[in-house]
Amino acid sequence: MRIFWRIKMDYISVREAAQKWDISERRVQKLCEESRIDGIQKFGRSWMIPKTANKPIDLRRKDNSSQ
């Protein structure tokens, strides 16, 4: 649990999100850069992702049945 600006928020790192969603760390970084994940914050060079964030739909695939 991290506390920023006196607001208690639970964040996970790019590495933790990649493991949770079974995708690469680079893919999570790209999703962050494209603002495809709700509630993300950038602190310095690091992305912090809310624990409750859902994995975005992969728009690169026509068939998203594997979601």
PDB file of N, CA and C in Angstrom:
ATOM      1  N   MET A   1       0.850  -1.167   0.000  1.00  0.00           N
ATOM      2  CA  MET A   1       0.000   0.000   0.000  1.00  0.00           C
ATOM      3  C   MET A   1       0.903   1.239   0.000  1.00  0.00           C
ATOM      4  N   ARG A   2       0.578   2.185  -0.843  1.00  0.00           N
ATOM      5  CA  ARG A   2       1.364   3.405  -0.935  1.00  0.00           C
ATOM      6  C   ARG A   2       0.464   4.592  -0.602  1.00  0.00           C
ATOM      7  N   ILE A   3       1.055   5.624  -0.037  1.00  0.00           N
ATOM      8  CA  ILE A   3       0.290   6.819   0.282  1.00  0.00           C
ATOM      9  C   ILE A   3       0.896   7.985  -0.492  1.00  0.00           C
ATOM     10  N   PHE A   4       0.110   8.566  -1.386  1.00  0.00           N
ATOM     11  CA  PHE A   4       0.539   9.712  -2.170  1.00  0.00           C
ATOM     12  C   PHE A   4      -0.458  10.838  -1.939  1.00  0.00           C
ATOM     13  N   TRP A   5       0.047  12.029  -1.787  1.00  0.00           N
ATOM     14  CA  TRP A   5      -0.794  13.215  -1.619  1.00  0.00           C
ATOM     15  C   TRP A   5      -1.843  13.019  -0.525  1.00  0.00           C
ATOM     16  N   ARG A   6      -1.482  12.294   0.505  1.00  0.00           N
ATOM     17  CA  ARG A   6      -2.353  12.045   1.650  1.00  0.00           C
ATOM     18  C   ARG A   6      -3.627  11.281   1.286  1.00  0.00           C
ATOM     19  N   ILE A   7      -3.600  10.621   0.152  1.00  0.00           N
ATOM     20  CA  ILE A   7      -4.725   9.776  -0.248  1.00  0.00           C
ATOM     21  C   ILE A   7      -4.218   8.337  -0.257  1.00  0.00           C
ATOM     22  N   LYS A   8      -4.923   7.478   0.440  1.00  0.00           N
ATOM     23  CA  LYS A   8      -4.515   6.084   0.509  1.00  0.00           C
ATOM     24  C   LYS A   8      -4.992   5.354  -0.747  1.00  0.00           C
ATOM     25  N   MET A   9      -4.051   4.851  -1.546  1.00  0.00           N
ATOM     26  CA  MET A   9      -4.387   4.135  -2.768  1.00  0.00           C
ATOM     27  C   MET A   9      -3.504   2.891  -2.843  1.00  0.00           C
ATOM     28  N   ASP A  10      -4.063   1.814  -3.329  1.00  0.00           N
ATOM     29  CA  ASP A  10      -3.293   0.590  -3.521  1.00  0.00           C
ATOM     30  C   ASP A  10      -2.863   0.498  -4.968  1.00  0.00           C
ATOM     31  N   TYR A  11      -1.554   0.478  -5.190  1.00  0.00           N
ATOM     32  CA  TYR A  11      -0.986   0.389  -6.525  1.00  0.00           C
ATOM     33  C   TYR A  11      -0.139  -0.866  -6.652  1.00  0.00           C
ATOM     34  N   ILE A  12       0.009  -1.325  -7.892  1.00  0.00           N
ATOM     35  CA  ILE A  12       0.951  -2.400  -8.201  1.00  0.00           C
ATOM     36  C   ILE A  12       1.886  -1.886  -9.282  1.00  0.00           C
ATOM     37  N   SER A  13       3.025  -2.527  -9.396  1.00  0.00           N
ATOM     38  CA  SER A  13       4.013  -2.132 -10.396  1.00  0.00           C
ATOM     39  C   SER A  13       3.684  -2.753 -11.750  1.00  0.00           C
ATOM     40  N   VAL A  14       4.417  -2.330 -12.770  1.00  0.00           N
ATOM     41  CA  VAL A  14       4.265  -2.905 -14.107  1.00  0.00           C
ATOM     42  C   VAL A  14       4.553  -4.403 -14.057  1.00  0.00           C
ATOM     43  N   ARG A  15       5.579  -4.785 -13.335  1.00  0.00           N
ATOM     44  CA  ARG A  15       5.945  -6.212 -13.225  1.00  0.00           C
ATOM     45  C   ARG A  15       4.807  -7.028 -12.600  1.00  0.00           C
ATOM     46  N   GLU A  16       4.221  -6.495 -11.532  1.00  0.00           N
ATOM     47  CA  GLU A  16       3.124  -7.200 -10.863  1.00  0.00           C
ATOM     48  C   GLU A  16       1.893  -7.293 -11.762  1.00  0.00           C
ATOM     49  N   ALA A  17       1.597  -6.227 -12.511  1.00  0.00           N
ATOM     50  CA  ALA A  17       0.459  -6.246 -13.430  1.00  0.00           C
ATOM     51  C   ALA A  17       0.697  -7.264 -14.546  1.00  0.00           C
ATOM     52  N   ALA A  18       1.919  -7.328 -15.046  1.00  0.00           N
ATOM     53  CA  ALA A  18       2.250  -8.279 -16.106  1.00  0.00           C
ATOM     54  C   ALA A  18       2.039  -9.717 -15.627  1.00  0.00           C
ATOM     55  N   GLN A  19       2.449 -10.004 -14.413  1.00  0.00           N
ATOM     56  CA  GLN A  19       2.251 -11.341 -13.856  1.00  0.00           C
ATOM     57  C   GLN A  19       0.765 -11.621 -13.630  1.00  0.00           C
ATOM     58  N   LYS A  20       0.042 -10.645 -13.107  1.00  0.00           N
ATOM     59  CA  LYS A  20      -1.384 -10.797 -12.813  1.00  0.00           C
ATOM     60  C   LYS A  20      -2.185 -11.050 -14.084  1.00  0.00           C
ATOM     61  N   TRP A  21      -1.849 -10.331 -15.180  1.00  0.00           N
ATOM     62  CA  TRP A  21      -2.602 -10.418 -16.429  1.00  0.00           C
ATOM     63  C   TRP A  21      -1.998 -11.386 -17.436  1.00  0.00           C
ATOM     64  N   ASP A  22      -0.857 -12.006 -17.093  1.00  0.00           N
ATOM     65  CA  ASP A  22      -0.175 -12.971 -17.961  1.00  0.00           C
ATOM     66  C   ASP A  22       0.183 -12.357 -19.321  1.00  0.00           C
ATOM     67  N   ILE A  23       0.787 -11.160 -19.278  1.00  0.00           N
ATOM     68  CA  ILE A  23       1.310 -10.508 -20.471  1.00  0.00           C
ATOM     69  C   ILE A  23       2.700  -9.973 -20.136  1.00  0.00           C
ATOM     70  N   SER A  24       3.426  -9.491 -21.134  1.00  0.00           N
ATOM     71  CA  SER A  24       4.783  -9.009 -20.890  1.00  0.00           C
ATOM     72  C   SER A  24       4.780  -7.643 -20.197  1.00  0.00           C
ATOM     73  N   GLU A  25       5.886  -7.357 -19.526  1.00  0.00           N
ATOM     74  CA  GLU A  25       6.037  -6.051 -18.878  1.00  0.00           C
ATOM     75  C   GLU A  25       6.004  -4.945 -19.925  1.00  0.00           C
ATOM     76  N   ARG A  26       6.614  -5.181 -21.086  1.00  0.00           N
ATOM     77  CA  ARG A  26       6.625  -4.173 -22.146  1.00  0.00           C
ATOM     78  C   ARG A  26       5.211  -3.875 -22.627  1.00  0.00           C
ATOM     79  N   ARG A  27       4.362  -4.906 -22.715  1.00  0.00           N
ATOM     80  CA  ARG A  27       2.981  -4.688 -23.147  1.00  0.00           C
ATOM     81  C   ARG A  27       2.232  -3.830 -22.125  1.00  0.00           C
ATOM     82  N   VAL A  28       2.459  -4.070 -20.841  1.00  0.00           N
ATOM     83  CA  VAL A  28       1.828  -3.259 -19.792  1.00  0.00           C
ATOM     84  C   VAL A  28       2.299  -1.811 -19.908  1.00  0.00           C
ATOM     85  N   GLN A  29       3.588  -1.610 -20.155  1.00  0.00           N
ATOM     86  CA  GLN A  29       4.111  -0.260 -20.327  1.00  0.00           C
ATOM     87  C   GLN A  29       3.437   0.438 -21.509  1.00  0.00           C
ATOM     88  N   LYS A  30       3.267  -0.266 -22.620  1.00  0.00           N
ATOM     89  CA  LYS A  30       2.605   0.312 -23.791  1.00  0.00           C
ATOM     90  C   LYS A  30       1.154   0.674 -23.468  1.00  0.00           C
ATOM     91  N   LEU A  31       0.456  -0.189 -22.734  1.00  0.00           N
ATOM     92  CA  LEU A  31      -0.921   0.104 -22.341  1.00  0.00           C
ATOM     93  C   LEU A  31      -0.971   1.361 -21.479  1.00  0.00           C
ATOM     94  N   CYS A  32       0.022   1.525 -20.609  1.00  0.00           N
ATOM     95  CA  CYS A  32       0.097   2.733 -19.777  1.00  0.00           C
ATOM     96  C   CYS A  32       0.362   3.961 -20.644  1.00  0.00           C
ATOM     97  N   GLU A  33       1.311   3.858 -21.561  1.00  0.00           N
ATOM     98  CA  GLU A  33       1.642   4.978 -22.443  1.00  0.00           C
ATOM     99  C   GLU A  33       0.439   5.409 -23.280  1.00  0.00           C
ATOM    100  N   GLU A  34      -0.402   4.448 -23.648  1.00  0.00           N
ATOM    101  CA  GLU A  34      -1.591   4.721 -24.457  1.00  0.00           C
ATOM    102  C   GLU A  34      -2.801   5.095 -23.602  1.00  0.00           C
ATOM    103  N   SER A  35      -2.609   5.205 -22.296  1.00  0.00           N
ATOM    104  CA  SER A  35      -3.684   5.528 -21.337  1.00  0.00           C
ATOM    105  C   SER A  35      -4.862   4.573 -21.454  1.00  0.00           C
ATOM    106  N   ARG A  36      -4.574   3.294 -21.612  1.00  0.00           N
ATOM    107  CA  ARG A  36      -5.620   2.283 -21.764  1.00  0.00           C
ATOM    108  C   ARG A  36      -6.024   1.665 -20.430  1.00  0.00           C
ATOM    109  N   ILE A  37      -5.324   2.025 -19.351  1.00  0.00           N
ATOM    110  CA  ILE A  37      -5.617   1.488 -18.021  1.00  0.00           C
ATOM    111  C   ILE A  37      -6.117   2.630 -17.157  1.00  0.00           C
ATOM    112  N   ASP A  38      -7.297   2.466 -16.576  1.00  0.00           N
ATOM    113  CA  ASP A  38      -7.886   3.514 -15.741  1.00  0.00           C
ATOM    114  C   ASP A  38      -7.106   3.694 -14.443  1.00  0.00           C
ATOM    115  N   GLY A  39      -6.880   4.947 -14.076  1.00  0.00           N
ATOM    116  CA  GLY A  39      -6.298   5.263 -12.781  1.00  0.00           C
ATOM    117  C   GLY A  39      -4.790   5.170 -12.688  1.00  0.00           C
ATOM    118  N   ILE A  40      -4.099   5.004 -13.807  1.00  0.00           N
ATOM    119  CA  ILE A  40      -2.644   4.887 -13.739  1.00  0.00           C
ATOM    120  C   ILE A  40      -2.016   6.212 -13.344  1.00  0.00           C
ATOM    121  N   GLN A  41      -0.851   6.123 -12.726  1.00  0.00           N
ATOM    122  CA  GLN A  41      -0.078   7.298 -12.340  1.00  0.00           C
ATOM    123  C   GLN A  41       1.362   7.050 -12.754  1.00  0.00           C
ATOM    124  N   LYS A  42       2.034   8.093 -13.178  1.00  0.00           N
ATOM    125  CA  LYS A  42       3.453   7.979 -13.495  1.00  0.00           C
ATOM    126  C   LYS A  42       4.225   8.751 -12.444  1.00  0.00           C
ATOM    127  N   PHE A  43       5.136   8.079 -11.786  1.00  0.00           N
ATOM    128  CA  PHE A  43       5.982   8.680 -10.766  1.00  0.00           C
ATOM    129  C   PHE A  43       7.413   8.554 -11.238  1.00  0.00           C
ATOM    130  N   GLY A  44       7.969   9.655 -11.728  1.00  0.00           N
ATOM    131  CA  GLY A  44       9.307   9.601 -12.309  1.00  0.00           C
ATOM    132  C   GLY A  44       9.244   8.815 -13.601  1.00  0.00           C
ATOM    133  N   ARG A  45       9.991   7.720 -13.668  1.00  0.00           N
ATOM    134  CA  ARG A  45       9.969   6.863 -14.857  1.00  0.00           C
ATOM    135  C   ARG A  45       9.120   5.617 -14.650  1.00  0.00           C
ATOM    136  N   SER A  46       8.493   5.496 -13.511  1.00  0.00           N
ATOM    137  CA  SER A  46       7.737   4.283 -13.177  1.00  0.00           C
ATOM    138  C   SER A  46       6.240   4.500 -13.293  1.00  0.00           C
ATOM    139  N   TRP A  47       5.548   3.511 -13.785  1.00  0.00           N
ATOM    140  CA  TRP A  47       4.093   3.516 -13.838  1.00  0.00           C
ATOM    141  C   TRP A  47       3.560   2.778 -12.631  1.00  0.00           C
ATOM    142  N   MET A  48       2.539   3.336 -12.008  1.00  0.00           N
ATOM    143  CA  MET A  48       1.862   2.664 -10.906  1.00  0.00           C
ATOM    144  C   MET A  48       0.422   2.431 -11.342  1.00  0.00           C
ATOM    145  N   ILE A  49      -0.034   1.205 -11.153  1.00  0.00           N
ATOM    146  CA  ILE A  49      -1.341   0.773 -11.645  1.00  0.00           C
ATOM    147  C   ILE A  49      -2.209   0.407 -10.448  1.00  0.00           C
ATOM    148  N   PRO A  50      -3.436   0.918 -10.386  1.00  0.00           N
ATOM    149  CA  PRO A  50      -4.310   0.556  -9.264  1.00  0.00           C
ATOM    150  C   PRO A  50      -4.513  -0.960  -9.190  1.00  0.00           C
ATOM    151  N   LYS A  51      -4.500  -1.493  -7.981  1.00  0.00           N
ATOM    152  CA  LYS A  51      -4.701  -2.938  -7.790  1.00  0.00           C
ATOM    153  C   LYS A  51      -6.012  -3.416  -8.400  1.00  0.00           C
ATOM    154  N   THR A  52      -7.007  -2.558  -8.413  1.00  0.00           N
ATOM    155  CA  THR A  52      -8.331  -2.943  -8.889  1.00  0.00           C
ATOM    156  C   THR A  52      -8.507  -2.783 -10.400  1.00  0.00           C
ATOM    157  N   ALA A  53      -7.462  -2.311 -11.093  1.00  0.00           N
ATOM    158  CA  ALA A  53      -7.560  -2.093 -12.540  1.00  0.00           C
ATOM    159  C   ALA A  53      -7.758  -3.423 -13.270  1.00  0.00           C
ATOM    160  N   ASN A  54      -8.606  -3.386 -14.286  1.00  0.00           N
ATOM    161  CA  ASN A  54      -8.843  -4.572 -15.110  1.00  0.00           C
ATOM    162  C   ASN A  54      -7.939  -4.551 -16.327  1.00  0.00           C
ATOM    163  N   LYS A  55      -7.635  -5.738 -16.821  1.00  0.00           N
ATOM    164  CA  LYS A  55      -6.825  -5.867 -18.030  1.00  0.00           C
ATOM    165  C   LYS A  55      -7.627  -5.336 -19.216  1.00  0.00           C
ATOM    166  N   PRO A  56      -7.053  -4.386 -19.968  1.00  0.00           N
ATOM    167  CA  PRO A  56      -7.770  -3.853 -21.130  1.00  0.00           C
ATOM    168  C   PRO A  56      -7.922  -4.909 -22.223  1.00  0.00           C
ATOM    169  N   ILE A  57      -8.946  -4.763 -23.036  1.00  0.00           N
ATOM    170  CA  ILE A  57      -9.142  -5.665 -24.171  1.00  0.00           C
ATOM    171  C   ILE A  57      -8.026  -5.423 -25.171  1.00  0.00           C
ATOM    172  N   ASP A  58      -7.507  -6.494 -25.742  1.00  0.00           N
ATOM    173  CA  ASP A  58      -6.433  -6.401 -26.715  1.00  0.00           C
ATOM    174  C   ASP A  58      -7.019  -6.018 -28.072  1.00  0.00           C
ATOM    175  N   LEU A  59      -6.858  -4.757 -28.447  1.00  0.00           N
ATOM    176  CA  LEU A  59      -7.427  -4.267 -29.700  1.00  0.00           C
ATOM    177  C   LEU A  59      -6.659  -4.764 -30.926  1.00  0.00           C
ATOM    178  N   ARG A  60      -5.507  -5.403 -30.709  1.00  0.00           N
ATOM    179  CA  ARG A  60      -4.729  -5.927 -31.828  1.00  0.00           C
ATOM    180  C   ARG A  60      -5.348  -7.202 -32.376  1.00  0.00           C
ATOM    181  N   ARG A  61      -6.193  -7.839 -31.593  1.00  0.00           N
ATOM    182  CA  ARG A  61      -6.808  -9.120 -31.992  1.00  0.00           C
ATOM    183  C   ARG A  61      -8.243  -8.907 -32.439  1.00  0.00           C
ATOM    184  N   LYS A  62      -8.601  -9.592 -33.515  1.00  0.00           N
ATOM    185  CA  LYS A  62     -10.005  -9.542 -33.966  1.00  0.00           C
ATOM    186  C   LYS A  62     -10.874 -10.406 -33.076  1.00  0.00           C
ATOM    187  N   ASP A  63     -10.325 -11.536 -32.631  1.00  0.00           N
ATOM    188  CA  ASP A  63     -11.060 -12.479 -31.780  1.00  0.00           C
ATOM    189  C   ASP A  63     -10.557 -12.331 -30.352  1.00  0.00           C
ATOM    190  N   ASN A  64     -11.333 -11.691 -29.485  1.00  0.00           N
ATOM    191  CA  ASN A  64     -10.954 -11.479 -28.100  1.00  0.00           C
ATOM    192  C   ASN A  64     -11.533 -12.543 -27.177  1.00  0.00           C
ATOM    193  N   SER A  65     -11.785 -13.726 -27.716  1.00  0.00           N
ATOM    194  CA  SER A  65     -12.364 -14.789 -26.897  1.00  0.00           C
ATOM    195  C   SER A  65     -11.406 -15.317 -25.853  1.00  0.00           C
ATOM    196  N   SER A  66     -10.108 -15.041 -26.008  1.00  0.00           N
ATOM    197  CA  SER A  66      -9.128 -15.528 -25.030  1.00  0.00           C
ATOM    198  C   SER A  66      -9.070 -14.674 -23.785  1.00  0.00           C
ATOM    199  N   GLN A  67      -9.864 -13.625 -23.715  1.00  0.00           N
ATOM    200  CA  GLN A  67      -9.859 -12.728 -22.562  1.00  0.00           C
ATOM    201  C   GLN A  67     -10.415 -13.412 -21.379  1.00  0.00           C
TER     202      GLN A  67
END
